[in-house]
Amino acid sequence: MESRKTILFYFSAAAAVFLLFCLWYFTSAENMETYNTERKAVIHMAEEAEVSRLININTADAEELEELPHIGEKTAERIIAYREENGGFLSPEEIMNVKGVGESTYNDIKDNIITE
């Protein structure tokens, strides 16, 4: 009976050490940074894959504009309002004049938009 208690004690101690190691390893800053970097890369690839066609920002409706990365309902409405107020976009870069579309967003969508 005593040997079973000893075995159980050592098994429990080993399991506790293993759990503490896992907790330390999976929450260390370096590993979390690697995980977050990989996660961001996967998200970026998924966003790029979402838009597989060119979208004409002078003719697209709100639903089509929302297919672009980082373009939500409000921003799509602003793009359409800007287009109507200014007679359309002369170049894709002009979309940065719309509130909510900065340089970062433009860089993410520039390969998927046209003005022709």
C-alpha atoms as a PDB file:
ATOM      1  CA  MET A   1       0.000   0.000   0.000  1.00  0.00           C
ATOM      2  CA  GLU A   2       2.862   2.324   0.850  1.00  0.00           C
ATOM      3  CA  SER A   3       4.453   1.832  -2.608  1.00  0.00           C
ATOM      4  CA  ARG A   4       1.184   2.853  -4.310  1.00  0.00           C
ATOM      5  CA  LYS A   5       1.141   6.071  -2.280  1.00  0.00           C
ATOM      6  CA  THR A   6       4.742   6.736  -3.237  1.00  0.00           C
ATOM      7  CA  ILE A   7       4.052   6.110  -6.927  1.00  0.00           C
ATOM      8  CA  LEU A   8       0.949   8.317  -6.783  1.00  0.00           C
ATOM      9  CA  PHE A   9       2.951  11.057  -5.055  1.00  0.00           C
ATOM     10  CA  TYR A  10       5.714  11.023  -7.690  1.00  0.00           C
ATOM     11  CA  PHE A  11       3.203  10.860 -10.520  1.00  0.00           C
ATOM     12  CA  SER A  12       1.304  13.849  -9.087  1.00  0.00           C
ATOM     13  CA  ALA A  13       4.540  15.793  -8.613  1.00  0.00           C
ATOM     14  CA  ALA A  14       5.627  15.060 -12.195  1.00  0.00           C
ATOM     15  CA  ALA A  15       2.219  16.121 -13.522  1.00  0.00           C
ATOM     16  CA  ALA A  16       2.396  19.372 -11.531  1.00  0.00           C
ATOM     17  CA  VAL A  17       5.891  20.127 -12.862  1.00  0.00           C
ATOM     18  CA  PHE A  18       4.727  19.393 -16.403  1.00  0.00           C
ATOM     19  CA  LEU A  19       1.706  21.689 -16.009  1.00  0.00           C
ATOM     20  CA  LEU A  20       3.867  24.496 -14.607  1.00  0.00           C
ATOM     21  CA  PHE A  21       6.298  24.111 -17.516  1.00  0.00           C
ATOM     22  CA  CYS A  22       3.415  24.277 -20.032  1.00  0.00           C
ATOM     23  CA  LEU A  23       2.008  27.345 -18.322  1.00  0.00           C
ATOM     24  CA  TRP A  24       5.389  29.060 -18.394  1.00  0.00           C
ATOM     25  CA  TYR A  25       6.175  28.058 -21.987  1.00  0.00           C
ATOM     26  CA  PHE A  26       2.847  29.021 -23.528  1.00  0.00           C
ATOM     27  CA  THR A  27       2.619  32.357 -21.737  1.00  0.00           C
ATOM     28  CA  SER A  28       6.189  33.551 -22.162  1.00  0.00           C
ATOM     29  CA  ALA A  29       6.443  36.839 -24.033  1.00  0.00           C
ATOM     30  CA  GLU A  30       8.675  35.468 -26.779  1.00  0.00           C
ATOM     31  CA  ASN A  31       6.332  32.602 -27.590  1.00  0.00           C
ATOM     32  CA  MET A  32       3.270  34.855 -27.463  1.00  0.00           C
ATOM     33  CA  GLU A  33       5.002  37.303 -29.825  1.00  0.00           C
ATOM     34  CA  THR A  34       5.730  34.473 -32.263  1.00  0.00           C
ATOM     35  CA  TYR A  35       2.138  33.278 -31.987  1.00  0.00           C
ATOM     36  CA  ASN A  36       0.753  36.789 -32.569  1.00  0.00           C
ATOM     37  CA  THR A  37       3.042  37.371 -35.554  1.00  0.00           C
ATOM     38  CA  GLU A  38       1.961  34.104 -37.143  1.00  0.00           C
ATOM     39  CA  ARG A  39      -1.700  34.863 -36.363  1.00  0.00           C
ATOM     40  CA  LYS A  40      -1.455  38.308 -37.985  1.00  0.00           C
ATOM     41  CA  ALA A  41       0.146  36.773 -41.085  1.00  0.00           C
ATOM     42  CA  VAL A  42      -2.669  34.250 -41.397  1.00  0.00           C
ATOM     43  CA  ILE A  43      -5.295  36.976 -40.972  1.00  0.00           C
ATOM     44  CA  HIS A  44      -3.574  39.142 -43.585  1.00  0.00           C
ATOM     45  CA  MET A  45      -3.445  36.242 -46.048  1.00  0.00           C
ATOM     46  CA  ALA A  46      -7.128  35.558 -45.441  1.00  0.00           C
ATOM     47  CA  GLU A  47      -8.020  39.208 -46.040  1.00  0.00           C
ATOM     48  CA  GLU A  48      -6.048  39.247 -49.272  1.00  0.00           C
ATOM     49  CA  ALA A  49      -7.781  36.082 -50.436  1.00  0.00           C
ATOM     50  CA  GLU A  50     -11.214  37.591 -49.759  1.00  0.00           C
ATOM     51  CA  VAL A  51     -10.926  40.029 -52.668  1.00  0.00           C
ATOM     52  CA  SER A  52     -10.211  38.097 -55.813  1.00  0.00           C
ATOM     53  CA  ARG A  53     -11.414  40.687 -58.304  1.00  0.00           C
ATOM     54  CA  LEU A  54     -10.918  44.348 -59.015  1.00  0.00           C
ATOM     55  CA  ILE A  55     -13.546  46.689 -57.651  1.00  0.00           C
ATOM     56  CA  ASN A  56     -14.308  49.915 -59.488  1.00  0.00           C
ATOM     57  CA  ILE A  57     -14.713  52.487 -56.734  1.00  0.00           C
ATOM     58  CA  ASN A  58     -16.604  54.774 -59.137  1.00  0.00           C
ATOM     59  CA  THR A  59     -19.385  52.261 -59.769  1.00  0.00           C
ATOM     60  CA  ALA A  60     -19.372  49.806 -56.843  1.00  0.00           C
ATOM     61  CA  ASP A  61     -22.293  49.720 -54.467  1.00  0.00           C
ATOM     62  CA  ALA A  62     -21.825  49.572 -50.683  1.00  0.00           C
ATOM     63  CA  GLU A  63     -21.911  45.776 -50.594  1.00  0.00           C
ATOM     64  CA  GLU A  64     -19.104  45.493 -53.139  1.00  0.00           C
ATOM     65  CA  LEU A  65     -17.005  48.110 -51.338  1.00  0.00           C
ATOM     66  CA  GLU A  66     -17.387  46.205 -48.066  1.00  0.00           C
ATOM     67  CA  GLU A  67     -15.612  43.237 -49.681  1.00  0.00           C
ATOM     68  CA  LEU A  68     -12.402  45.266 -49.446  1.00  0.00           C
ATOM     69  CA  PRO A  69     -10.234  44.809 -46.335  1.00  0.00           C
ATOM     70  CA  HIS A  70     -10.938  47.350 -43.575  1.00  0.00           C
ATOM     71  CA  ILE A  71     -13.948  48.838 -45.399  1.00  0.00           C
ATOM     72  CA  GLY A  72     -17.080  48.550 -43.306  1.00  0.00           C
ATOM     73  CA  GLU A  73     -20.600  49.824 -43.790  1.00  0.00           C
ATOM     74  CA  LYS A  74     -19.922  53.422 -42.680  1.00  0.00           C
ATOM     75  CA  THR A  75     -16.765  53.780 -44.752  1.00  0.00           C
ATOM     76  CA  ALA A  76     -18.509  52.337 -47.810  1.00  0.00           C
ATOM     77  CA  GLU A  77     -21.257  54.940 -47.367  1.00  0.00           C
ATOM     78  CA  ARG A  78     -18.640  57.697 -47.109  1.00  0.00           C
ATOM     79  CA  ILE A  79     -16.920  56.465 -50.287  1.00  0.00           C
ATOM     80  CA  ILE A  80     -20.215  56.601 -52.186  1.00  0.00           C
ATOM     81  CA  ALA A  81     -21.048  60.057 -50.762  1.00  0.00           C
ATOM     82  CA  TYR A  82     -17.594  61.382 -51.717  1.00  0.00           C
ATOM     83  CA  ARG A  83     -17.966  59.932 -55.205  1.00  0.00           C
ATOM     84  CA  GLU A  84     -21.375  61.565 -55.672  1.00  0.00           C
ATOM     85  CA  GLU A  85     -20.258  64.941 -54.289  1.00  0.00           C
ATOM     86  CA  ASN A  86     -17.047  65.091 -56.350  1.00  0.00           C
ATOM     87  CA  GLY A  87     -18.085  63.442 -59.596  1.00  0.00           C
ATOM     88  CA  GLY A  88     -16.122  60.252 -59.009  1.00  0.00           C
ATOM     89  CA  PHE A  89     -12.549  59.351 -58.273  1.00  0.00           C
ATOM     90  CA  LEU A  90      -9.903  60.362 -60.808  1.00  0.00           C
ATOM     91  CA  SER A  91      -7.340  57.930 -59.382  1.00  0.00           C
ATOM     92  CA  PRO A  92      -7.345  55.136 -56.804  1.00  0.00           C
ATOM     93  CA  GLU A  93      -5.173  57.259 -54.474  1.00  0.00           C
ATOM     94  CA  GLU A  94      -7.975  59.800 -54.184  1.00  0.00           C
ATOM     95  CA  ILE A  95      -9.885  57.358 -51.959  1.00  0.00           C
ATOM     96  CA  MET A  96      -7.584  58.518 -49.141  1.00  0.00           C
ATOM     97  CA  ASN A  97      -9.615  61.767 -49.122  1.00  0.00           C
ATOM     98  CA  VAL A  98     -12.498  59.783 -47.636  1.00  0.00           C
ATOM     99  CA  LYS A  99     -12.706  59.832 -43.828  1.00  0.00           C
ATOM    100  CA  GLY A 100     -11.729  56.399 -42.538  1.00  0.00           C
ATOM    101  CA  VAL A 101      -9.431  55.537 -45.442  1.00  0.00           C
ATOM    102  CA  GLY A 102      -5.877  56.422 -44.528  1.00  0.00           C
ATOM    103  CA  GLU A 103      -2.574  55.407 -46.000  1.00  0.00           C
ATOM    104  CA  SER A 104      -2.546  52.049 -44.208  1.00  0.00           C
ATOM    105  CA  THR A 105      -6.005  51.094 -45.474  1.00  0.00           C
ATOM    106  CA  TYR A 106      -5.139  52.345 -48.945  1.00  0.00           C
ATOM    107  CA  ASN A 107      -2.010  50.173 -49.002  1.00  0.00           C
ATOM    108  CA  ASP A 108      -4.157  47.154 -48.123  1.00  0.00           C
ATOM    109  CA  ILE A 109      -6.743  47.809 -50.868  1.00  0.00           C
ATOM    110  CA  LYS A 110      -4.796  49.512 -53.649  1.00  0.00           C
ATOM    111  CA  ASP A 111      -4.227  46.288 -55.589  1.00  0.00           C
ATOM    112  CA  ASN A 112      -7.954  45.568 -55.589  1.00  0.00           C
ATOM    113  CA  ILE A 113      -9.408  48.915 -56.693  1.00  0.00           C
ATOM    114  CA  ILE A 114      -9.680  50.726 -60.006  1.00  0.00           C
ATOM    115  CA  THR A 115     -11.308  53.958 -61.175  1.00  0.00           C
ATOM    116  CA  GLU A 116     -11.922  53.168 -64.850  1.00  0.00           C
END
